[in-house]
Amino acid sequence: MEAKPQVSASSLVDEQVFPGDIVLYLSNLANQTIRVGGGLRQLYTLGLKCRFCFFFSGCDVISVTKAGKLKFSKPNKYWVESSHKRYVPTAGDNVLGIVVDTKADNFLVDIKGPMLAFLPVLAFEGGTRRNIPKFEIGALLYVRVVKAIPDMNPELSCMDGSGKAAEYGHLKDGFMFETSTGLSRTLLSSPTCPVLETLGKKIAFEIAVGLNGRVWVNAASPSVMVLVANTIIQTELMTPVQQKARVVNLLQKLQ
């Protein structure tokens, strides 16, 4: 039996993939660095059959672990995008976490994952034992996942890759609500989500979106915060044209 031609990852981008599908062949990517996001993992195949080809000799590949759409962002990151209520932590994700307990060396933070996450008390810009931040139980934090190993507690940080606080930290005031992980990714997509773009032209508000399906909104008045939150939730399944029309209709009612 002859091996079927291999399918390149570029031809699968924005296509539905399923657990067990092979999307990248590392043997064909010599001297290239690939970043793997949620829903994908590296494994070694030996005579395994997938939807696209049949291997007679072993090789390293990137395989799908959950159903969804294969996504790509320049220069070299691949991930599987799907919509779930449950969040699976992935290194590099920006998430909204709720402090549930405080220990000597860590804050215990709920990020909607299968286990609580650790936020080291020194994982802040300029963090030392003398200036450990103090958070009350229930405080909302915008943090970055730095370690996400299966069956272990994820590790978080309030710094970017260069050690700066950037946009991370304590989110005060405002209103937090929960959505699906798919809607969170849509809100963070580029170009700007039509809902946020249309709202931003008419009213002033702040927003922080976590890939774990939590969204924080802050504005000058509670009515504006409620309007933004309800608009985001109600337009999740609409087309871009329908979303813009719905936002205009809601803004007219507000006036």
Protein backbone atom coordinates (compact mmCIF):
# COMPACT_ATOMS: atom_id res chain seq x y z
CA MET A 1 0.00 0.00 0.00
CA GLU A 2 1.31 3.46 -0.90
CA ALA A 3 1.26 6.35 1.51
CA LYS A 4 -1.28 9.05 0.75
CA PRO A 5 0.04 12.58 0.23
CA GLN A 6 0.39 14.62 3.38
CA VAL A 7 -1.94 17.58 3.86
CA SER A 8 -0.27 20.85 4.87
CA ALA A 9 -1.44 22.71 7.96
CA SER A 10 -2.19 25.83 5.90
CA SER A 11 -4.92 23.96 4.05
CA LEU A 12 -6.57 23.02 7.36
CA VAL A 13 -6.61 26.50 8.91
CA ASP A 14 -10.21 27.57 9.68
CA GLU A 15 -11.36 24.01 8.98
CA GLN A 16 -12.99 21.65 11.48
CA VAL A 17 -10.54 19.18 13.04
CA PHE A 18 -11.14 16.31 15.43
CA PRO A 19 -9.16 14.45 18.12
CA GLY A 20 -6.50 12.27 16.52
CA ASP A 21 -6.14 14.36 13.35
CA ILE A 22 -2.57 15.17 12.31
CA VAL A 23 -2.15 18.84 11.36
CA LEU A 24 1.64 19.35 11.28
CA TYR A 25 4.57 17.13 10.29
CA LEU A 26 7.64 18.36 12.13
CA SER A 27 9.98 16.47 9.82
CA ASN A 28 8.95 18.93 7.08
CA LEU A 29 9.66 21.99 9.26
CA ALA A 30 13.42 21.82 9.70
CA ASN A 31 14.94 24.88 11.42
CA GLN A 32 11.49 26.31 12.16
CA THR A 33 10.00 27.01 15.58
CA ILE A 34 6.32 26.23 16.05
CA ARG A 35 4.21 27.45 18.96
CA VAL A 36 1.43 25.05 19.92
CA GLY A 37 -1.67 26.35 21.70
CA GLY A 38 -4.73 24.76 23.23
CA GLY A 39 -6.20 21.67 21.59
CA LEU A 40 -2.89 20.49 20.07
CA ARG A 41 0.01 18.36 21.28
CA GLN A 42 3.23 16.90 19.94
CA LEU A 43 3.53 13.12 19.68
CA TYR A 44 5.55 10.42 17.97
CA THR A 45 3.66 8.29 15.46
CA LEU A 46 4.53 4.80 14.35
CA GLY A 47 2.26 3.26 11.76
CA LEU A 48 -0.74 5.34 12.87
CA LYS A 49 -3.53 6.12 10.46
CA CYS A 50 -5.19 9.51 10.39
CA ARG A 51 -7.80 11.05 8.10
CA PHE A 52 -5.23 12.26 5.62
CA CYS A 53 -2.37 9.78 5.34
CA PHE A 54 -0.80 6.52 6.53
CA PHE A 55 2.57 6.40 8.25
CA PHE A 56 4.88 3.42 7.71
CA SER A 57 7.77 4.89 9.70
CA GLY A 58 7.75 6.94 12.88
CA CYS A 59 7.87 10.73 12.92
CA ASP A 60 7.07 13.66 15.18
CA VAL A 61 3.73 15.32 14.48
CA ILE A 62 1.29 17.78 15.99
CA SER A 63 -1.99 16.08 16.79
CA VAL A 64 -5.44 17.41 17.70
CA THR A 65 -6.78 16.72 21.21
CA LYS A 66 -10.19 18.43 21.01
CA ALA A 67 -12.74 19.16 18.30
CA GLY A 68 -12.91 22.66 16.84
CA LYS A 69 -11.46 24.93 14.16
CA LEU A 70 -7.72 25.01 13.53
CA LYS A 71 -6.44 28.58 13.88
CA PHE A 72 -3.14 30.22 13.00
CA SER A 73 -1.56 33.54 13.95
CA LYS A 74 1.65 34.94 12.55
CA PRO A 75 4.41 34.16 12.75
CA ASN A 76 4.16 30.58 14.02
CA LYS A 77 1.32 29.81 16.44
CA TYR A 78 -1.36 27.15 15.88
CA TRP A 79 -4.28 26.27 18.15
CA VAL A 80 -7.74 24.72 18.04
CA GLU A 81 -10.58 27.14 18.70
CA SER A 82 -13.78 25.80 20.20
CA SER A 83 -16.54 27.06 22.45
CA HIS A 84 -16.93 25.55 25.92
CA LYS A 85 -18.12 26.61 29.34
CA ARG A 86 -15.19 24.73 30.89
CA TYR A 87 -11.75 26.24 30.44
CA VAL A 88 -8.62 24.15 29.90
CA PRO A 89 -5.56 26.18 30.98
CA THR A 90 -2.94 26.80 28.28
CA ALA A 91 0.41 28.52 28.76
CA GLY A 92 0.35 32.05 27.35
CA ASP A 93 -3.38 32.63 27.85
CA ASN A 94 -4.57 35.86 29.46
CA VAL A 95 -7.36 35.06 31.93
CA LEU A 96 -9.49 36.62 34.65
CA GLY A 97 -9.01 34.96 38.01
CA ILE A 98 -10.73 35.26 41.39
CA VAL A 99 -8.63 35.05 44.55
CA VAL A 100 -10.05 32.30 46.80
CA ASP A 101 -7.28 31.95 49.38
CA THR A 102 -3.93 33.38 50.44
CA LYS A 103 -0.85 31.37 51.43
CA ALA A 104 2.64 32.38 52.50
CA ASP A 105 4.12 31.94 49.02
CA ASN A 106 1.09 31.91 46.70
CA PHE A 107 -2.36 33.24 46.09
CA LEU A 108 -4.87 30.52 45.18
CA VAL A 109 -6.85 31.71 42.17
CA ASP A 110 -9.95 30.30 40.47
CA ILE A 111 -9.60 30.55 36.67
CA LYS A 112 -12.53 28.21 35.79
CA GLY A 113 -10.12 25.33 35.20
CA PRO A 114 -10.23 21.81 36.66
CA MET A 115 -7.93 22.92 39.52
CA LEU A 116 -7.09 26.13 41.34
CA ALA A 117 -4.09 28.03 40.01
CA PHE A 118 -1.05 29.30 41.92
CA LEU A 119 -0.08 32.97 41.69
CA PRO A 120 3.34 33.37 43.41
CA VAL A 121 3.55 36.43 45.65
CA LEU A 122 6.71 37.46 43.76
CA ALA A 123 5.09 37.20 40.29
CA PHE A 124 4.56 40.97 40.15
CA GLU A 125 6.71 43.73 38.69
CA GLY A 126 9.36 44.60 41.25
CA GLY A 127 7.98 41.97 43.61
CA THR A 128 10.01 41.32 46.77
CA ARG A 129 9.30 39.89 50.21
CA ARG A 130 9.00 43.43 51.54
CA ASN A 131 6.25 44.60 49.19
CA ILE A 132 4.00 41.57 48.76
CA PRO A 133 0.64 42.72 47.34
CA LYS A 134 -2.44 42.20 49.48
CA PHE A 135 -5.69 40.99 47.92
CA GLU A 136 -8.95 40.28 49.66
CA ILE A 137 -10.81 37.02 49.03
CA GLY A 138 -12.92 37.57 45.91
CA ALA A 139 -10.55 40.08 44.29
CA LEU A 140 -10.59 39.95 40.49
CA LEU A 141 -7.19 39.75 38.76
CA TYR A 142 -6.11 39.94 35.13
CA VAL A 143 -3.25 37.43 34.88
CA ARG A 144 -1.21 35.37 32.44
CA VAL A 145 -0.88 31.58 32.51
CA VAL A 146 2.83 30.72 32.52
CA LYS A 147 2.67 26.98 33.26
CA ALA A 148 -0.11 24.55 32.40
CA ILE A 149 0.84 20.90 32.93
CA PRO A 150 -1.94 18.24 32.89
CA ASP A 151 -3.00 17.02 36.35
CA MET A 152 -1.07 19.83 38.06
CA ASN A 153 -2.10 23.26 39.33
CA PRO A 154 -1.45 25.96 36.70
CA GLU A 155 0.94 28.77 37.55
CA LEU A 156 0.06 32.41 36.91
CA SER A 157 1.91 35.71 36.67
CA CYS A 158 1.02 39.41 36.73
CA MET A 159 3.91 40.25 34.38
CA ASP A 160 4.48 40.01 30.66
CA GLY A 161 7.44 38.22 29.09
CA SER A 162 9.74 41.17 29.78
CA GLY A 163 8.91 41.33 33.49
CA LYS A 164 6.66 44.40 33.22
CA ALA A 165 3.20 44.70 34.76
CA ALA A 166 1.72 45.89 31.43
CA GLU A 167 -2.08 45.48 31.63
CA TYR A 168 -2.01 42.79 34.33
CA GLY A 169 -3.10 43.25 37.91
CA HIS A 170 -6.08 43.97 40.13
CA LEU A 171 -9.32 44.97 38.38
CA LYS A 172 -11.19 47.32 40.70
CA ASP A 173 -14.83 48.37 40.52
CA GLY A 174 -16.66 47.41 37.33
CA PHE A 175 -18.74 44.33 36.62
CA MET A 176 -17.64 40.81 35.73
CA PHE A 177 -19.76 38.27 33.84
CA GLU A 178 -19.12 34.84 32.32
CA THR A 179 -19.42 33.70 28.70
CA SER A 180 -18.27 30.76 26.61
CA THR A 181 -14.58 30.47 25.71
CA GLY A 182 -15.52 30.85 22.03
CA LEU A 183 -17.13 34.24 22.63
CA SER A 184 -14.06 35.37 24.56
CA ARG A 185 -11.82 34.60 21.59
CA THR A 186 -14.23 36.42 19.28
CA LEU A 187 -14.03 39.55 21.46
CA LEU A 188 -10.23 39.40 21.28
CA SER A 189 -10.11 38.76 17.53
CA SER A 190 -8.52 41.03 14.96
CA PRO A 191 -10.00 43.03 13.28
CA THR A 192 -11.99 44.34 16.25
CA CYS A 193 -15.23 42.53 17.05
CA PRO A 194 -18.17 44.46 15.45
CA VAL A 195 -19.99 44.66 18.80
CA LEU A 196 -17.08 46.32 20.61
CA GLU A 197 -16.27 48.51 17.63
CA THR A 198 -19.82 49.86 17.36
CA LEU A 199 -20.22 50.33 21.11
CA GLY A 200 -16.85 52.07 21.38
CA LYS A 201 -17.88 54.73 18.86
CA LYS A 202 -20.88 55.78 20.97
CA ILE A 203 -20.07 55.21 24.62
CA ALA A 204 -16.95 55.16 26.82
CA PHE A 205 -16.12 52.00 28.74
CA GLU A 206 -13.22 49.77 29.77
CA ILE A 207 -13.13 46.05 29.08
CA ALA A 208 -10.84 43.15 29.94
CA VAL A 209 -11.46 39.78 28.30
CA GLY A 210 -10.06 36.51 29.60
CA LEU A 211 -9.71 33.46 27.40
CA ASN A 212 -11.28 31.46 30.23
CA GLY A 213 -14.72 32.90 29.46
CA ARG A 214 -14.77 35.83 31.87
CA VAL A 215 -15.29 39.45 30.87
CA TRP A 216 -14.88 42.58 33.03
CA VAL A 217 -16.53 45.87 32.09
CA ASN A 218 -16.21 49.27 33.76
CA ALA A 219 -17.96 52.53 32.87
CA ALA A 220 -19.13 55.81 34.36
CA SER A 221 -22.58 54.47 35.25
CA PRO A 222 -24.07 51.04 36.08
CA SER A 223 -26.57 51.36 33.22
CA VAL A 224 -23.74 51.55 30.67
CA MET A 225 -22.00 48.50 32.19
CA VAL A 226 -25.23 46.50 32.04
CA LEU A 227 -25.85 47.62 28.45
CA VAL A 228 -22.37 46.50 27.33
CA ALA A 229 -22.63 43.15 29.14
CA ASN A 230 -26.11 42.35 27.82
CA THR A 231 -25.18 43.37 24.28
CA ILE A 232 -22.13 41.08 24.25
CA ILE A 233 -24.13 38.11 25.58
CA GLN A 234 -27.17 38.62 23.34
CA THR A 235 -25.21 38.97 20.08
CA GLU A 236 -22.98 35.90 20.46
CA LEU A 237 -24.74 33.85 17.77
CA MET A 238 -25.50 36.72 15.37
CA THR A 239 -23.75 37.61 12.14
CA PRO A 240 -21.61 40.81 12.07
CA VAL A 241 -24.39 42.70 10.25
CA GLN A 242 -27.00 41.57 12.78
CA GLN A 243 -24.67 42.48 15.65
CA LYS A 244 -24.23 46.06 14.42
CA ALA A 245 -27.99 46.47 13.93
CA ARG A 246 -28.69 45.14 17.43
CA VAL A 247 -26.14 47.47 19.01
CA VAL A 248 -27.62 50.51 17.24
CA ASN A 249 -31.09 49.50 18.43
CA LEU A 250 -29.94 49.13 22.05
CA LEU A 251 -28.11 52.47 21.98
CA GLN A 252 -31.25 54.20 20.76
CA LYS A 253 -33.18 52.77 23.72
CA LEU A 254 -30.48 54.02 26.09
CA GLN A 255 -30.82 57.56 24.77
